[in-house]
Amino acid sequence: MNSISSPAETAPETPTIATEVQVMFFDTDCAAVVHNIAYLRFVEIARTLLAEQIGMGLVDMARTKLYPVVVRTEIDYRKPAVLGDQLVIHGRMEGVDRLRFWVAFEIRRPADGALIATSRQMLAVIQMPEGKPVRLPADWRTRFAHLPAVRPATR
């Protein structure tokens, strides 16, 4: 649903995504419960779609050879998902600094409203084929100025 608002009412841009997945047989263990690595695949799908919104689409990455790479992943498993579940992965840009950015995800089961898992990832951008880190795009400082520069949790 789209709405029109005046410039004074427009909130700063926070890229978000919601995408659906169905738990398939290959996502589960012998008890038909989703195994932990499958959640990362779900997050990968949502993160790829979120990248499109922040200007890092797959075609552009292949053309420019600039790729976001995962530096850190945090995931908390809240409730089990099982074979056949329909899940929704909600993702959002969470924070930005000069060389890194954070994205966050929630995996939910709409049938009962259950929060299945939460995840945060820190990413950097590298230039290939050199594999060298590069600064985030200059316009991100203004586009995402409302987002905090976040740091990973201490160990």
C-alpha atoms as a PDB file:
ATOM      1  CA  MET A   1       0.000   0.000   0.000  1.00  0.00           C
ATOM      2  CA  ASN A   2       1.419   3.365  -1.018  1.00  0.00           C
ATOM      3  CA  SER A   3       0.650   6.674   0.588  1.00  0.00           C
ATOM      4  CA  ILE A   4       1.597  10.217  -0.276  1.00  0.00           C
ATOM      5  CA  SER A   5       3.188  12.435   2.329  1.00  0.00           C
ATOM      6  CA  SER A   6       4.630  15.892   2.274  1.00  0.00           C
ATOM      7  CA  PRO A   7       8.418  16.291   2.509  1.00  0.00           C
ATOM      8  CA  ALA A   8       8.082  17.483   6.100  1.00  0.00           C
ATOM      9  CA  GLU A   9       6.329  14.212   7.027  1.00  0.00           C
ATOM     10  CA  THR A  10       8.734  11.921   5.181  1.00  0.00           C
ATOM     11  CA  ALA A  11      10.795   9.822   7.547  1.00  0.00           C
ATOM     12  CA  PRO A  12      14.421   9.039   6.737  1.00  0.00           C
ATOM     13  CA  GLU A  13      14.900   5.950   4.612  1.00  0.00           C
ATOM     14  CA  THR A  14      15.474   2.683   6.435  1.00  0.00           C
ATOM     15  CA  PRO A  15      15.652  -0.135   3.903  1.00  0.00           C
ATOM     16  CA  THR A  16      13.463  -3.087   4.890  1.00  0.00           C
ATOM     17  CA  ILE A  17      12.419  -6.341   3.273  1.00  0.00           C
ATOM     18  CA  ALA A  18       9.918  -9.096   3.972  1.00  0.00           C
ATOM     19  CA  THR A  19      10.040 -12.354   2.076  1.00  0.00           C
ATOM     20  CA  GLU A  20       8.357 -15.708   2.486  1.00  0.00           C
ATOM     21  CA  VAL A  21       9.894 -19.166   2.511  1.00  0.00           C
ATOM     22  CA  GLN A  22       8.409 -22.591   3.024  1.00  0.00           C
ATOM     23  CA  VAL A  23      10.353 -25.118   5.077  1.00  0.00           C
ATOM     24  CA  MET A  24      11.362 -27.870   2.689  1.00  0.00           C
ATOM     25  CA  PHE A  25      12.497 -31.409   3.421  1.00  0.00           C
ATOM     26  CA  PHE A  26      16.171 -30.480   2.844  1.00  0.00           C
ATOM     27  CA  ASP A  27      15.868 -27.764   5.549  1.00  0.00           C
ATOM     28  CA  THR A  28      15.091 -30.319   8.253  1.00  0.00           C
ATOM     29  CA  ASP A  29      16.748 -33.027  10.308  1.00  0.00           C
ATOM     30  CA  CYS A  30      15.426 -36.562  10.884  1.00  0.00           C
ATOM     31  CA  ALA A  31      12.829 -35.194  13.344  1.00  0.00           C
ATOM     32  CA  ALA A  32      11.436 -32.817  10.649  1.00  0.00           C
ATOM     33  CA  VAL A  33      12.750 -29.805  12.621  1.00  0.00           C
ATOM     34  CA  VAL A  34      14.644 -27.062  10.759  1.00  0.00           C
ATOM     35  CA  HIS A  35      18.379 -27.471  11.293  1.00  0.00           C
ATOM     36  CA  ASN A  36      20.445 -24.461  12.283  1.00  0.00           C
ATOM     37  CA  ILE A  37      22.225 -23.914   8.957  1.00  0.00           C
ATOM     38  CA  ALA A  38      18.902 -23.581   7.115  1.00  0.00           C
ATOM     39  CA  TYR A  39      18.141 -20.384   9.042  1.00  0.00           C
ATOM     40  CA  LEU A  40      21.281 -18.839   7.566  1.00  0.00           C
ATOM     41  CA  ARG A  41      20.027 -19.729   4.091  1.00  0.00           C
ATOM     42  CA  PHE A  42      16.743 -17.980   4.888  1.00  0.00           C
ATOM     43  CA  VAL A  43      18.697 -14.916   6.054  1.00  0.00           C
ATOM     44  CA  GLU A  44      20.837 -15.058   2.892  1.00  0.00           C
ATOM     45  CA  ILE A  45      17.714 -14.855   0.729  1.00  0.00           C
ATOM     46  CA  ALA A  46      16.411 -11.825   2.637  1.00  0.00           C
ATOM     47  CA  ARG A  47      19.838 -10.149   2.705  1.00  0.00           C
ATOM     48  CA  THR A  48      20.177 -10.499  -1.070  1.00  0.00           C
ATOM     49  CA  LEU A  49      16.779  -8.828  -1.543  1.00  0.00           C
ATOM     50  CA  LEU A  50      17.700  -6.118   0.969  1.00  0.00           C
ATOM     51  CA  ALA A  51      20.932  -5.472  -0.956  1.00  0.00           C
ATOM     52  CA  GLU A  52      18.818  -4.565  -3.991  1.00  0.00           C
ATOM     53  CA  GLN A  53      17.140  -1.811  -1.951  1.00  0.00           C
ATOM     54  CA  ILE A  54      20.439  -0.283  -0.851  1.00  0.00           C
ATOM     55  CA  GLY A  55      21.835  -0.214  -4.376  1.00  0.00           C
ATOM     56  CA  MET A  56      23.821  -3.449  -4.359  1.00  0.00           C
ATOM     57  CA  GLY A  57      21.847  -5.597  -6.767  1.00  0.00           C
ATOM     58  CA  LEU A  58      23.304  -8.791  -8.170  1.00  0.00           C
ATOM     59  CA  VAL A  59      23.737  -7.394 -11.691  1.00  0.00           C
ATOM     60  CA  ASP A  60      25.450  -4.247 -10.368  1.00  0.00           C
ATOM     61  CA  MET A  61      27.770  -6.314  -8.180  1.00  0.00           C
ATOM     62  CA  ALA A  62      28.845  -8.421 -11.139  1.00  0.00           C
ATOM     63  CA  ARG A  63      29.438  -5.272 -13.209  1.00  0.00           C
ATOM     64  CA  THR A  64      31.335  -3.217 -10.585  1.00  0.00           C
ATOM     65  CA  LYS A  65      33.048  -6.157  -8.837  1.00  0.00           C
ATOM     66  CA  LEU A  66      32.053  -4.577  -5.488  1.00  0.00           C
ATOM     67  CA  TYR A  67      30.599  -7.192  -3.160  1.00  0.00           C
ATOM     68  CA  PRO A  68      29.209  -7.049   0.369  1.00  0.00           C
ATOM     69  CA  VAL A  69      30.764  -9.816   2.446  1.00  0.00           C
ATOM     70  CA  VAL A  70      29.598 -11.124   5.795  1.00  0.00           C
ATOM     71  CA  VAL A  71      32.151 -10.421   8.530  1.00  0.00           C
ATOM     72  CA  ARG A  72      30.069 -11.542  11.484  1.00  0.00           C
ATOM     73  CA  THR A  73      26.793 -13.364  12.074  1.00  0.00           C
ATOM     74  CA  GLU A  74      24.833 -13.525  15.313  1.00  0.00           C
ATOM     75  CA  ILE A  75      21.749 -15.729  15.511  1.00  0.00           C
ATOM     76  CA  ASP A  76      19.403 -16.597  18.342  1.00  0.00           C
ATOM     77  CA  TYR A  77      17.052 -19.543  17.915  1.00  0.00           C
ATOM     78  CA  ARG A  78      13.775 -18.892  19.752  1.00  0.00           C
ATOM     79  CA  LYS A  79      11.342 -21.638  18.677  1.00  0.00           C
ATOM     80  CA  PRO A  80      11.638 -24.529  16.259  1.00  0.00           C
ATOM     81  CA  ALA A  81      10.221 -24.383  12.763  1.00  0.00           C
ATOM     82  CA  VAL A  82       9.161 -27.655  11.191  1.00  0.00           C
ATOM     83  CA  LEU A  83       8.655 -29.253   7.804  1.00  0.00           C
ATOM     84  CA  GLY A  84       5.985 -27.444   5.800  1.00  0.00           C
ATOM     85  CA  ASP A  85       5.958 -24.251   7.897  1.00  0.00           C
ATOM     86  CA  GLN A  86       5.450 -21.017   6.014  1.00  0.00           C
ATOM     87  CA  LEU A  87       7.869 -18.435   7.388  1.00  0.00           C
ATOM     88  CA  VAL A  88       8.388 -14.726   6.797  1.00  0.00           C
ATOM     89  CA  ILE A  89      11.844 -13.196   7.066  1.00  0.00           C
ATOM     90  CA  HIS A  90      11.808  -9.496   7.931  1.00  0.00           C
ATOM     91  CA  GLY A  91      15.082  -7.684   7.307  1.00  0.00           C
ATOM     92  CA  ARG A  92      16.276  -4.137   7.805  1.00  0.00           C
ATOM     93  CA  MET A  93      19.382  -2.002   7.647  1.00  0.00           C
ATOM     94  CA  GLU A  94      20.377  -1.442  11.263  1.00  0.00           C
ATOM     95  CA  GLY A  95      23.502   0.698  11.283  1.00  0.00           C
ATOM     96  CA  VAL A  96      26.331   2.115   9.240  1.00  0.00           C
ATOM     97  CA  ASP A  97      29.877   3.301   9.786  1.00  0.00           C
ATOM     98  CA  ARG A  98      32.695   4.111   7.314  1.00  0.00           C
ATOM     99  CA  LEU A  99      33.660   0.559   6.418  1.00  0.00           C
ATOM    100  CA  ARG A 100      30.909  -1.679   7.783  1.00  0.00           C
ATOM    101  CA  PHE A 101      27.182  -1.937   8.015  1.00  0.00           C
ATOM    102  CA  TRP A 102      24.793  -4.037  10.053  1.00  0.00           C
ATOM    103  CA  VAL A 103      21.585  -5.716   8.952  1.00  0.00           C
ATOM    104  CA  ALA A 104      19.066  -7.419  11.223  1.00  0.00           C
ATOM    105  CA  PHE A 105      16.501 -10.133  10.599  1.00  0.00           C
ATOM    106  CA  GLU A 106      13.514 -11.722  12.306  1.00  0.00           C
ATOM    107  CA  ILE A 107      12.121 -15.036  11.159  1.00  0.00           C
ATOM    108  CA  ARG A 108       8.455 -15.443  12.064  1.00  0.00           C
ATOM    109  CA  ARG A 109       5.764 -18.054  11.558  1.00  0.00           C
ATOM    110  CA  PRO A 110       2.577 -16.150  10.633  1.00  0.00           C
ATOM    111  CA  ALA A 111       0.285 -19.099  11.428  1.00  0.00           C
ATOM    112  CA  ASP A 112       0.789 -18.577  15.176  1.00  0.00           C
ATOM    113  CA  GLY A 113       2.806 -15.337  15.266  1.00  0.00           C
ATOM    114  CA  ALA A 114       5.821 -17.158  16.714  1.00  0.00           C
ATOM    115  CA  LEU A 115       9.223 -15.506  16.617  1.00  0.00           C
ATOM    116  CA  ILE A 116      11.405 -18.351  15.351  1.00  0.00           C
ATOM    117  CA  ALA A 117      14.836 -16.693  15.203  1.00  0.00           C
ATOM    118  CA  THR A 118      16.602 -13.340  15.196  1.00  0.00           C
ATOM    119  CA  SER A 119      19.858 -12.577  13.458  1.00  0.00           C
ATOM    120  CA  ARG A 120      22.288  -9.709  12.949  1.00  0.00           C
ATOM    121  CA  GLN A 121      25.077  -9.562  10.430  1.00  0.00           C
ATOM    122  CA  MET A 122      27.973  -7.183   9.995  1.00  0.00           C
ATOM    123  CA  LEU A 123      29.118  -6.694   6.418  1.00  0.00           C
ATOM    124  CA  ALA A 124      31.955  -4.941   4.645  1.00  0.00           C
ATOM    125  CA  VAL A 125      32.349  -4.205   0.948  1.00  0.00           C
ATOM    126  CA  ILE A 126      35.286  -5.608  -0.983  1.00  0.00           C
ATOM    127  CA  GLN A 127      36.636  -4.874  -4.447  1.00  0.00           C
ATOM    128  CA  MET A 128      37.335  -7.965  -6.495  1.00  0.00           C
ATOM    129  CA  PRO A 129      39.482  -9.527  -7.762  1.00  0.00           C
ATOM    130  CA  GLU A 130      41.863  -7.879  -5.270  1.00  0.00           C
ATOM    131  CA  GLY A 131      39.664  -8.757  -2.285  1.00  0.00           C
ATOM    132  CA  LYS A 132      40.449  -5.413  -0.647  1.00  0.00           C
ATOM    133  CA  PRO A 133      37.961  -3.666   1.645  1.00  0.00           C
ATOM    134  CA  VAL A 134      36.591  -0.354   0.383  1.00  0.00           C
ATOM    135  CA  ARG A 135      34.683   2.437   2.077  1.00  0.00           C
ATOM    136  CA  LEU A 136      30.928   2.330   1.902  1.00  0.00           C
ATOM    137  CA  PRO A 137      29.326   4.488  -0.806  1.00  0.00           C
ATOM    138  CA  ALA A 138      29.649   8.202  -0.005  1.00  0.00           C
ATOM    139  CA  ASP A 139      25.902   8.847  -0.231  1.00  0.00           C
ATOM    140  CA  TRP A 140      25.265   6.377   2.588  1.00  0.00           C
ATOM    141  CA  ARG A 141      26.434   9.007   5.094  1.00  0.00           C
ATOM    142  CA  THR A 142      23.406  11.128   4.265  1.00  0.00           C
ATOM    143  CA  ARG A 143      20.941   8.388   3.222  1.00  0.00           C
ATOM    144  CA  PHE A 144      21.439   6.488   6.459  1.00  0.00           C
ATOM    145  CA  ALA A 145      22.534   9.278   8.822  1.00  0.00           C
ATOM    146  CA  HIS A 146      19.540   8.467  11.056  1.00  0.00           C
ATOM    147  CA  LEU A 147      20.919   4.964  11.692  1.00  0.00           C
ATOM    148  CA  PRO A 148      23.485   4.520  14.448  1.00  0.00           C
ATOM    149  CA  ALA A 149      27.037   3.367  13.929  1.00  0.00           C
ATOM    150  CA  VAL A 150      26.665   0.051  15.706  1.00  0.00           C
ATOM    151  CA  ARG A 151      29.330  -2.205  17.125  1.00  0.00           C
ATOM    152  CA  PRO A 152      29.320  -5.953  17.642  1.00  0.00           C
ATOM    153  CA  ALA A 153      28.502  -7.302  21.073  1.00  0.00           C
ATOM    154  CA  THR A 154      31.540  -7.812  23.244  1.00  0.00           C
ATOM    155  CA  ARG A 155      32.581 -11.330  23.970  1.00  0.00           C
END
